[in-house]
Amino acid sequence: MRKAVRWLLSLVVLIGTLSTAGAATAAEPAAADTDIKDRLLAVPGMSLIEEKPYDGYRYFVLNYTQPVDHRHPSQGTFEQRITVLHKDTNRPTVFSTSGYNVSTTPSRSEPTRIVDGNQVSMEYRFFTPSRPDPADWSTLDIWQAASDQHRIFKALKPIYNQNWLATGGSKGGMTATYYERFYPRDMDGVVAYVAPNDVVNKEDSAYDEFFETVGTEECRDKLNAVQREALVRREPLEEKYAAYAEENGYTFATVGSLDKAYEAVVLDLVWGFWQYHLEAECADVPDASTATDQELFDYVDAISGWSFYTDQGLEPYTPYYYQAGTQLGAPTIQQPWLGGLSRYGYQPPRNFVPRSIPMTFQPWVMRDVDSWVRHNAQRMLYVYGENDPWGAEPFRLGKGARDSYVFTAPGANHGARVAGLTEADRDLATSRILAWAGVSAAASAEAKPLAAYDAKLDRQQLRREPTLRP
């Protein structure tokens, strides 16, 4: 009997050891007067890259050691960059991610300003320098990335023990959603901005319908004409493109040819305009019938960017294209106004990833997330822009959702924010964010941000990715 008991106790200890081997190691409790930098660096696996001063805050750029594969944590680690905008351990914390590289310049997301809190920001795995070496691309998926966030949260929660919210814009909004899907007990609320939801990758008619109605007919016609004219004048404009590429040392091995890259940039024009610009800027669209070759070339560059489909433009975004071609999906639009001038159509993500990296699409992944949000969302808030193409396939809520909302900002593009909602929607969204953060009492009767506007921290810098990227 005693041997049996000893064996059982040993088994329990062994199981406990194994179950925590790959989990985040929390910081040991420290005295309240311990410097916050010392508390952060006491977290196992945390190291300091630099601290940057900012009035009213402490701002840290850090590395955190993560498993390459959370299912097999013994098979190597990599260093993942995070930043911490520290205000006070007694304030709520907002966990922010762009889904791409992390900015190392102090800034506040909108929810951080609303709740007057701390902010932890994470660089998405495989965006350099947060890339394993050697890079096993099969470990780049939404569950692994959500597990990165989970470990960071578990490591920092003992320090920042008030409520936490997850947020992000575009791919960052998608990231916040996937995190909630896989770890629904971590966050007290989610605020996702302009997050596309490509449930069925081959069904993209919603985007075609969007481009048939967005803005005014006059504006749509002007943009369509410029795009068409750029294909009509392909030969002289490609000569300019070749000279531009030679001058800047650009090459086209990944996409395959200058011609393919040229058309990809041109086909992004209409999407890029509505993603990053406002209807008022239609006045700046040149008249396709009278514009010179140089005027057309310059306008396409301003909207779509001639460098985006070069090897040098694609390389930093290889992780995104890989995910788009394996799990996230990518939109395709028909653009009938081009009248057969397109040689390649909307090219798939496979064309933008080096062929040495294998890719297989998993169609069930987005269907799973969509179903989960519809039936299980709790304390989740989505904000979309009325004139943003990525909002054509949004997240939607079903009967199983609780205390969750989808709002649309009138006339807004990919930079839609709570501040741009109608007054009623803005007040409701702000009040829910404050409540989820556990600071609603401090807002008194009026739902408004608790922190004053800071021109540097809060200046909205719409992240301009290569055009057809969320």
Protein backbone atom coordinates (compact mmCIF):
# COMPACT_ATOMS: atom_id res chain seq x y z
CA MET A 1 0.00 0.00 0.00
CA ARG A 2 2.79 2.43 0.95
CA LYS A 3 4.61 1.59 -2.28
CA ALA A 4 1.42 2.31 -4.20
CA VAL A 5 1.00 5.66 -2.46
CA ARG A 6 4.63 6.60 -3.11
CA TRP A 7 4.23 5.58 -6.77
CA LEU A 8 1.08 7.68 -7.09
CA LEU A 9 2.74 10.72 -5.51
CA SER A 10 5.73 10.33 -7.83
CA LEU A 11 3.39 10.15 -10.81
CA VAL A 12 1.62 13.34 -9.72
CA VAL A 13 4.94 15.16 -9.39
CA LEU A 14 6.06 13.87 -12.79
CA ILE A 15 2.83 14.97 -14.47
CA GLY A 16 3.09 18.37 -12.84
CA THR A 17 6.66 18.73 -14.05
CA LEU A 18 5.80 17.75 -17.60
CA SER A 19 2.74 19.97 -17.77
CA THR A 20 4.68 23.07 -16.80
CA ALA A 21 7.74 22.39 -18.95
CA GLY A 22 6.45 24.46 -21.87
CA ALA A 23 4.32 26.91 -19.92
CA ALA A 24 5.22 30.51 -19.20
CA THR A 25 7.19 30.99 -16.02
CA ALA A 26 5.67 33.75 -13.93
CA ALA A 27 7.73 36.39 -12.22
CA GLU A 28 8.27 35.91 -8.52
CA PRO A 29 6.25 38.36 -6.41
CA ALA A 30 8.27 41.43 -5.57
CA ALA A 31 7.84 44.25 -3.13
CA ALA A 32 5.68 47.12 -4.32
CA ASP A 33 8.64 49.49 -4.21
CA THR A 34 10.82 47.31 -6.46
CA ASP A 35 11.72 49.13 -9.67
CA ILE A 36 9.51 48.01 -12.56
CA LYS A 37 12.52 47.28 -14.75
CA ASP A 38 13.86 44.89 -12.13
CA ARG A 39 10.48 43.21 -11.87
CA LEU A 40 10.26 42.74 -15.62
CA LEU A 41 13.79 41.40 -15.88
CA ALA A 42 13.09 38.97 -13.03
CA VAL A 43 10.77 37.10 -15.40
CA PRO A 44 12.67 34.00 -16.58
CA GLY A 45 13.55 34.37 -20.25
CA MET A 46 13.14 38.18 -20.27
CA SER A 47 16.04 40.41 -21.30
CA LEU A 48 16.36 44.14 -21.92
CA ILE A 49 17.12 45.56 -25.35
CA GLU A 50 16.70 49.20 -24.33
CA GLU A 51 14.68 51.59 -22.20
CA LYS A 52 13.41 54.81 -23.76
CA PRO A 53 12.26 57.73 -21.62
CA TYR A 54 8.76 59.16 -21.99
CA ASP A 55 7.02 61.58 -19.63
CA GLY A 56 4.53 59.82 -17.37
CA TYR A 57 5.60 56.33 -18.48
CA ARG A 58 8.49 53.87 -18.54
CA TYR A 59 9.02 52.32 -21.96
CA PHE A 60 10.94 49.10 -22.43
CA VAL A 61 11.97 47.14 -25.52
CA LEU A 62 12.53 43.55 -24.46
CA ASN A 63 13.29 40.06 -25.71
CA TYR A 64 11.34 37.10 -24.37
CA THR A 65 12.45 33.52 -24.93
CA GLN A 66 9.73 31.44 -26.61
CA PRO A 67 9.57 27.81 -27.74
CA VAL A 68 9.76 27.43 -31.51
CA ASP A 69 6.99 24.83 -31.17
CA HIS A 70 4.67 25.13 -28.19
CA ARG A 71 3.60 21.50 -28.66
CA HIS A 72 7.21 20.38 -28.38
CA PRO A 73 8.93 23.02 -26.24
CA SER A 74 12.15 21.04 -25.93
CA GLN A 75 12.83 21.42 -29.64
CA GLY A 76 14.46 24.83 -29.55
CA THR A 77 13.67 28.45 -28.68
CA PHE A 78 13.81 31.87 -30.26
CA GLU A 79 13.84 35.45 -29.00
CA GLN A 80 10.60 37.37 -29.48
CA ARG A 81 10.56 41.16 -29.19
CA ILE A 82 7.95 42.79 -27.00
CA THR A 83 7.54 46.31 -25.68
CA VAL A 84 6.05 47.49 -22.40
CA LEU A 85 4.59 50.97 -21.97
CA HIS A 86 4.41 51.06 -18.18
CA LYS A 87 2.14 53.46 -16.34
CA ASP A 88 1.22 51.81 -13.05
CA THR A 89 0.76 48.22 -11.90
CA ASN A 90 -2.56 49.28 -10.39
CA ARG A 91 -3.93 50.20 -13.84
CA PRO A 92 -5.41 47.79 -16.42
CA THR A 93 -3.18 46.50 -19.19
CA VAL A 94 -3.84 46.38 -22.94
CA PHE A 95 -2.16 43.62 -24.95
CA SER A 96 -1.64 45.01 -28.46
CA THR A 97 -0.31 43.43 -31.63
CA SER A 98 -0.18 44.57 -35.23
CA GLY A 99 0.26 41.02 -36.48
CA TYR A 100 3.53 42.17 -38.04
CA ASN A 101 6.69 43.76 -36.63
CA VAL A 102 6.47 45.59 -33.33
CA SER A 103 7.17 49.32 -33.28
CA THR A 104 9.94 50.33 -30.89
CA THR A 105 8.69 53.92 -30.66
CA PRO A 106 6.39 54.67 -27.68
CA SER A 107 2.73 54.87 -28.72
CA ARG A 108 -0.73 54.10 -27.31
CA SER A 109 -3.50 52.10 -28.89
CA GLU A 110 -6.96 53.62 -28.60
CA PRO A 111 -8.06 51.19 -25.85
CA THR A 112 -4.92 52.03 -23.86
CA ARG A 113 -5.88 55.69 -23.89
CA ILE A 114 -9.52 54.91 -23.11
CA VAL A 115 -8.64 52.91 -19.98
CA ASP A 116 -5.53 54.98 -19.10
CA GLY A 117 -3.53 51.79 -18.73
CA ASN A 118 -0.31 49.98 -19.44
CA GLN A 119 0.39 48.49 -22.84
CA VAL A 120 2.24 45.33 -23.80
CA SER A 121 2.95 44.93 -27.52
CA MET A 122 4.18 41.77 -29.23
CA GLU A 123 6.06 41.19 -32.46
CA TYR A 124 4.42 38.38 -34.44
CA ARG A 125 6.56 35.28 -34.75
CA PHE A 126 8.66 34.97 -37.92
CA PHE A 127 8.75 38.73 -38.53
CA THR A 128 12.41 39.57 -38.17
CA PRO A 129 14.18 39.67 -35.82
CA SER A 130 11.62 37.46 -34.00
CA ARG A 131 12.28 34.51 -36.30
CA PRO A 132 13.61 31.09 -35.28
CA ASP A 133 16.91 30.10 -36.86
CA PRO A 134 16.68 27.79 -38.70
CA ALA A 135 13.13 28.74 -39.63
CA ASP A 136 10.69 25.82 -39.50
CA TRP A 137 7.80 27.46 -41.35
CA SER A 138 5.37 24.74 -40.28
CA THR A 139 5.41 26.36 -36.83
CA LEU A 140 4.01 29.60 -38.20
CA ASP A 141 0.28 29.26 -37.58
CA ILE A 142 -2.39 31.06 -35.62
CA TRP A 143 -2.33 28.62 -32.70
CA GLN A 144 1.42 28.95 -32.21
CA ALA A 145 1.14 32.75 -32.30
CA ALA A 146 -1.77 32.70 -29.83
CA SER A 147 0.36 30.51 -27.58
CA ASP A 148 3.15 33.12 -27.77
CA GLN A 149 0.67 35.68 -26.41
CA HIS A 150 -0.57 33.28 -23.77
CA ARG A 151 2.94 32.71 -22.39
CA ILE A 152 3.67 36.44 -22.32
CA PHE A 153 0.40 37.10 -20.51
CA LYS A 154 1.07 34.36 -17.96
CA ALA A 155 4.56 35.72 -17.37
CA LEU A 156 3.43 39.32 -16.84
CA LYS A 157 0.08 38.84 -15.10
CA PRO A 158 1.70 38.60 -11.62
CA ILE A 159 3.20 42.05 -12.23
CA TYR A 160 0.19 43.62 -14.00
CA ASN A 161 -2.57 41.95 -11.99
CA GLN A 162 -5.48 44.19 -12.95
CA ASN A 163 -7.78 43.50 -15.92
CA TRP A 164 -6.33 42.86 -19.37
CA LEU A 165 -7.76 43.67 -22.82
CA ALA A 166 -6.47 42.41 -26.16
CA THR A 167 -6.46 44.72 -29.16
CA GLY A 168 -5.05 45.14 -32.63
CA GLY A 169 -5.85 46.60 -36.01
CA SER A 170 -6.24 44.70 -39.29
CA LYS A 171 -4.03 41.59 -39.01
CA GLY A 172 -3.62 42.64 -35.40
CA GLY A 173 -7.39 42.51 -34.96
CA MET A 174 -7.36 39.04 -36.48
CA THR A 175 -4.56 38.10 -34.07
CA ALA A 176 -6.55 39.34 -31.06
CA THR A 177 -9.51 37.27 -32.26
CA TYR A 178 -7.47 34.09 -32.70
CA TYR A 179 -5.91 34.57 -29.27
CA GLU A 180 -9.36 34.79 -27.72
CA ARG A 181 -10.51 31.72 -29.63
CA PHE A 182 -7.68 29.54 -28.28
CA TYR A 183 -7.25 31.13 -24.82
CA PRO A 184 -10.68 32.58 -23.92
CA ARG A 185 -9.90 32.79 -20.22
CA ASP A 186 -6.87 35.08 -20.49
CA MET A 187 -8.40 38.43 -21.45
CA ASP A 188 -11.24 40.40 -19.87
CA GLY A 189 -12.22 41.84 -23.25
CA VAL A 190 -11.17 42.14 -26.90
CA VAL A 191 -11.25 45.26 -29.11
CA ALA A 192 -10.51 44.28 -32.72
CA TYR A 193 -10.25 46.91 -35.43
CA VAL A 194 -10.89 46.36 -39.18
CA ALA A 195 -10.31 42.61 -38.87
CA PRO A 196 -11.12 40.70 -42.08
CA ASN A 197 -12.71 37.27 -41.83
CA ASP A 198 -12.15 35.24 -45.01
CA VAL A 199 -14.20 32.20 -44.03
CA VAL A 200 -14.34 30.54 -47.46
CA ASN A 201 -11.21 31.43 -49.39
CA LYS A 202 -12.67 30.72 -52.83
CA GLU A 203 -15.85 32.76 -52.27
CA ASP A 204 -15.01 36.46 -52.63
CA SER A 205 -18.14 37.95 -54.21
CA ALA A 206 -18.58 40.23 -51.18
CA TYR A 207 -15.53 42.18 -52.33
CA ASP A 208 -16.92 42.54 -55.86
CA GLU A 209 -20.17 43.88 -54.42
CA PHE A 210 -18.22 46.32 -52.26
CA PHE A 211 -16.38 47.82 -55.25
CA GLU A 212 -19.65 48.22 -57.14
CA THR A 213 -21.08 50.54 -54.49
CA VAL A 214 -18.28 52.18 -52.46
CA GLY A 215 -18.10 55.96 -52.67
CA THR A 216 -19.65 57.80 -55.59
CA GLU A 217 -20.02 56.52 -59.13
CA GLU A 218 -17.89 59.41 -60.36
CA CYS A 219 -15.04 58.49 -58.05
CA ARG A 220 -15.25 54.80 -58.92
CA ASP A 221 -15.18 55.61 -62.64
CA LYS A 222 -12.10 57.83 -62.28
CA LEU A 223 -10.17 55.19 -60.40
CA ASN A 224 -11.22 52.40 -62.76
CA ALA A 225 -10.15 54.50 -65.74
CA VAL A 226 -6.68 55.14 -64.29
CA GLN A 227 -6.23 51.45 -63.55
CA ARG A 228 -7.34 50.47 -67.04
CA GLU A 229 -5.15 53.09 -68.69
CA ALA A 230 -2.11 51.80 -66.78
CA LEU A 231 -2.66 48.43 -68.47
CA VAL A 232 -3.32 49.99 -71.87
CA ARG A 233 0.01 51.84 -71.58
CA ARG A 234 1.80 48.81 -70.17
CA GLU A 235 4.79 49.03 -72.55
CA PRO A 236 5.93 52.63 -71.89
CA LEU A 237 5.12 52.40 -68.17
CA GLU A 238 7.03 49.12 -67.82
CA GLU A 239 10.05 50.87 -69.33
CA LYS A 240 9.80 53.41 -66.51
CA TYR A 241 9.35 50.56 -64.03
CA ALA A 242 12.48 48.79 -65.33
CA ALA A 243 14.52 51.99 -64.99
CA TYR A 244 13.11 52.52 -61.48
CA ALA A 245 14.02 48.94 -60.50
CA GLU A 246 17.55 49.23 -61.89
CA GLU A 247 18.14 52.53 -60.13
CA ASN A 248 17.07 51.07 -56.78
CA GLY A 249 18.59 47.60 -57.19
CA TYR A 250 15.20 45.84 -57.21
CA THR A 251 14.80 42.29 -58.54
CA PHE A 252 11.83 40.01 -59.32
CA ALA A 253 12.88 36.41 -58.67
CA THR A 254 10.05 35.59 -56.24
CA VAL A 255 7.11 36.86 -58.29
CA GLY A 256 8.78 35.64 -61.47
CA SER A 257 9.06 38.66 -63.74
CA LEU A 258 8.84 42.42 -63.92
CA ASP A 259 5.64 42.04 -65.94
CA LYS A 260 3.94 40.06 -63.17
CA ALA A 261 5.07 42.56 -60.55
CA TYR A 262 3.90 45.47 -62.71
CA GLU A 263 0.41 44.06 -63.08
CA ALA A 264 0.16 43.14 -59.40
CA VAL A 265 0.84 46.77 -58.47
CA VAL A 266 -1.67 48.09 -60.99
CA LEU A 267 -4.39 45.65 -59.92
CA ASP A 268 -3.97 46.84 -56.32
CA LEU A 269 -4.77 50.45 -57.25
CA VAL A 270 -8.51 50.56 -56.55
CA TRP A 271 -8.21 48.45 -53.40
CA GLY A 272 -5.31 50.55 -52.15
CA PHE A 273 -7.18 53.81 -52.67
CA TRP A 274 -10.17 52.79 -50.56
CA GLN A 275 -8.05 51.07 -47.94
CA TYR A 276 -5.84 54.05 -47.16
CA HIS A 277 -7.60 57.12 -48.54
CA LEU A 278 -10.85 58.99 -48.09
CA GLU A 279 -13.59 59.81 -50.56
CA ALA A 280 -12.61 63.48 -50.44
CA GLU A 281 -9.32 62.52 -52.10
CA CYS A 282 -11.11 61.49 -55.28
CA ALA A 283 -10.43 65.04 -56.45
CA ASP A 284 -6.74 64.12 -56.66
CA VAL A 285 -7.28 61.19 -59.05
CA PRO A 286 -5.83 62.19 -62.45
CA ASP A 287 -7.88 62.21 -65.64
CA ALA A 288 -6.78 59.01 -67.37
CA SER A 289 -7.51 60.40 -70.84
CA THR A 290 -5.17 63.38 -70.50
CA ALA A 291 -2.58 62.25 -67.94
CA THR A 292 1.00 61.84 -69.16
CA ASP A 293 2.83 58.54 -68.71
CA GLN A 294 4.80 60.09 -65.87
CA GLU A 295 1.65 61.32 -64.13
CA LEU A 296 0.11 57.85 -64.34
CA PHE A 297 3.34 56.24 -63.13
CA ASP A 298 3.59 58.62 -60.18
CA TYR A 299 -0.06 58.21 -59.16
CA VAL A 300 0.10 54.41 -59.22
CA ASP A 301 3.27 54.62 -57.14
CA ALA A 302 1.58 56.92 -54.59
CA ILE A 303 -1.38 54.57 -54.16
CA SER A 304 0.00 51.06 -54.73
CA GLY A 305 3.79 51.41 -54.52
CA TRP A 306 6.06 50.11 -57.29
CA SER A 307 8.46 48.56 -54.79
CA PHE A 308 5.92 46.27 -53.13
CA TYR A 309 6.22 43.24 -55.43
CA THR A 310 9.99 43.33 -55.85
CA ASP A 311 12.03 40.74 -53.98
CA GLN A 312 13.11 43.46 -51.59
CA GLY A 313 9.52 44.60 -50.99
CA LEU A 314 8.16 41.10 -50.52
CA GLU A 315 10.85 39.69 -48.22
CA PRO A 316 9.78 41.45 -44.98
CA TYR A 317 6.23 40.19 -45.53
CA THR A 318 7.01 36.57 -46.31
CA PRO A 319 5.40 35.49 -42.99
CA TYR A 320 2.14 37.22 -43.94
CA TYR A 321 2.00 35.72 -47.44
CA TYR A 322 2.82 32.31 -45.97
CA GLN A 323 -0.08 32.60 -43.52
CA ALA A 324 -2.43 33.91 -46.22
CA GLY A 325 -1.59 30.89 -48.35
CA THR A 326 -1.85 28.33 -45.56
CA GLN A 327 -4.58 29.51 -43.16
CA LEU A 328 -5.83 33.10 -43.45
CA GLY A 329 -6.94 33.12 -47.06
CA ALA A 330 -6.60 36.01 -49.51
CA PRO A 331 -9.26 37.93 -51.45
CA THR A 332 -9.64 37.86 -55.20
CA ILE A 333 -11.71 40.47 -57.04
CA GLN A 334 -12.89 40.35 -60.64
CA GLN A 335 -12.43 43.99 -61.80
CA PRO A 336 -14.59 43.66 -64.95
CA TRP A 337 -13.79 47.26 -65.97
CA LEU A 338 -10.34 46.08 -67.09
CA GLY A 339 -11.95 44.40 -70.10
CA GLY A 340 -9.54 41.51 -70.50
CA LEU A 341 -6.38 43.61 -70.22
CA SER A 342 -5.15 41.63 -67.20
CA ARG A 343 -2.78 38.78 -68.01
CA TYR A 344 -2.59 37.18 -64.57
CA GLY A 345 -5.58 38.30 -62.52
CA TYR A 346 -5.21 38.61 -58.77
CA GLN A 347 -2.19 36.47 -58.04
CA PRO A 348 -2.30 33.99 -55.12
CA PRO A 349 -0.04 34.24 -52.04
CA ARG A 350 2.00 31.30 -53.37
CA ASN A 351 3.44 33.70 -55.98
CA PHE A 352 4.84 35.96 -53.26
CA VAL A 353 6.63 33.33 -51.15
CA PRO A 354 9.95 31.78 -52.21
CA ARG A 355 9.36 28.34 -53.71
CA SER A 356 11.81 26.82 -51.24
CA ILE A 357 9.13 27.27 -48.54
CA PRO A 358 6.39 24.62 -48.85
CA MET A 359 2.75 25.75 -48.46
CA THR A 360 -0.51 23.80 -48.14
CA PHE A 361 -3.80 25.60 -47.54
CA GLN A 362 -5.93 24.51 -44.57
CA PRO A 363 -9.53 25.55 -45.35
CA TRP A 364 -10.96 24.45 -42.02
CA VAL A 365 -8.96 26.94 -39.90
CA MET A 366 -10.93 30.12 -40.66
CA ARG A 367 -14.24 28.23 -40.61
CA ASP A 368 -13.42 27.11 -37.07
CA VAL A 369 -12.62 30.65 -35.91
CA ASP A 370 -15.71 32.11 -37.56
CA SER A 371 -17.98 29.51 -35.97
CA TRP A 372 -16.39 30.05 -32.58
CA VAL A 373 -16.87 33.83 -32.71
CA ARG A 374 -20.49 33.49 -33.80
CA HIS A 375 -21.40 31.08 -31.02
CA ASN A 376 -18.96 31.83 -28.20
CA ALA A 377 -17.87 35.48 -28.34
CA GLN A 378 -17.98 37.15 -24.94
CA ARG A 379 -16.85 40.72 -24.32
CA MET A 380 -15.62 41.18 -27.90
CA LEU A 381 -15.96 44.40 -29.87
CA TYR A 382 -15.29 44.87 -33.60
CA VAL A 383 -14.88 48.21 -35.38
CA TYR A 384 -14.98 48.48 -39.18
CA GLY A 385 -14.71 51.36 -41.67
CA GLU A 386 -17.63 51.88 -44.04
CA ASN A 387 -15.32 52.46 -47.04
CA ASP A 388 -12.65 49.90 -46.14
CA PRO A 389 -12.49 46.92 -48.55
CA TRP A 390 -11.38 44.60 -45.73
CA GLY A 391 -14.73 45.14 -44.04
CA ALA A 392 -16.53 43.40 -46.90
CA GLU A 393 -16.05 40.10 -45.07
CA PRO A 394 -16.32 41.00 -41.38
CA PHE A 395 -16.72 38.96 -38.24
CA ARG A 396 -20.38 38.49 -37.34
CA LEU A 397 -22.08 37.56 -34.09
CA GLY A 398 -24.60 34.77 -33.62
CA LYS A 399 -27.07 33.86 -30.91
CA GLY A 400 -24.34 32.44 -28.70
CA ALA A 401 -22.46 35.75 -28.44
CA ARG A 402 -22.65 37.63 -25.13
CA ASP A 403 -21.83 41.28 -24.41
CA SER A 404 -20.24 41.57 -27.88
CA TYR A 405 -20.66 44.14 -30.65
CA VAL A 406 -19.88 44.97 -34.28
CA PHE A 407 -19.75 48.67 -35.19
CA THR A 408 -19.11 50.50 -38.46
CA ALA A 409 -17.57 53.98 -38.63
CA PRO A 410 -19.31 56.11 -41.32
CA GLY A 411 -17.05 57.06 -44.24
CA ALA A 412 -13.97 55.59 -42.53
CA ASN A 413 -11.20 53.64 -44.22
CA HIS A 414 -8.77 51.04 -42.79
CA GLY A 415 -7.97 53.45 -39.98
CA ALA A 416 -11.46 53.23 -38.42
CA ARG A 417 -11.54 53.81 -34.68
CA VAL A 418 -14.07 54.03 -31.85
CA ALA A 419 -13.66 57.81 -31.96
CA GLY A 420 -15.08 57.81 -35.50
CA LEU A 421 -18.31 55.96 -34.66
CA THR A 422 -21.68 57.66 -34.39
CA GLU A 423 -22.22 59.26 -31.01
CA ALA A 424 -24.47 56.48 -29.72
CA ASP A 425 -22.14 53.71 -30.89
CA ARG A 426 -19.08 55.56 -29.59
CA ASP A 427 -20.59 55.96 -26.14
CA LEU A 428 -21.65 52.33 -25.99
CA ALA A 429 -18.28 51.05 -27.21
CA THR A 430 -16.34 53.26 -24.81
CA SER A 431 -18.50 52.30 -21.84
CA ARG A 432 -18.04 48.58 -22.56
CA ILE A 433 -14.27 48.94 -22.93
CA LEU A 434 -14.12 50.76 -19.58
CA ALA A 435 -16.31 48.13 -17.92
CA TRP A 436 -14.24 45.23 -19.26
CA ALA A 437 -11.09 46.96 -18.02
CA GLY A 438 -12.62 47.23 -14.56
CA VAL A 439 -12.48 51.03 -14.47
CA SER A 440 -16.05 51.96 -15.40
CA ALA A 441 -16.63 53.61 -12.02
CA ALA A 442 -13.88 56.09 -12.79
CA ALA A 443 -15.68 57.22 -15.92
CA SER A 444 -18.59 58.67 -13.93
CA ALA A 445 -21.69 59.25 -16.05
CA GLU A 446 -19.86 60.07 -19.28
CA ALA A 447 -18.18 57.42 -21.39
CA LYS A 448 -14.95 58.99 -22.61
CA PRO A 449 -11.22 58.15 -22.59
CA LEU A 450 -9.70 58.44 -19.14
CA ALA A 451 -6.33 59.69 -20.43
CA ALA A 452 -5.88 63.07 -22.07
CA TYR A 453 -4.87 63.11 -25.72
CA ASP A 454 -1.11 63.06 -26.27
CA ALA A 455 -0.02 64.31 -29.69
CA LYS A 456 2.94 61.91 -29.85
CA LEU A 457 1.56 58.81 -28.16
CA ASP A 458 -1.89 58.92 -29.72
CA ARG A 459 -1.19 60.23 -33.20
CA GLN A 460 -2.77 57.72 -35.52
CA GLN A 461 -0.19 56.40 -37.93
CA LEU A 462 -2.09 54.13 -40.29
CA ARG A 463 0.32 51.30 -40.94
CA ARG A 464 0.70 51.23 -44.71
CA GLU A 465 1.51 47.66 -45.57
CA PRO A 466 1.90 46.50 -49.17
CA THR A 467 -1.53 47.33 -50.46
CA LEU A 468 -3.45 44.08 -50.58
CA ARG A 469 -2.48 43.15 -47.02
CA PRO A 470 -4.65 43.54 -43.90
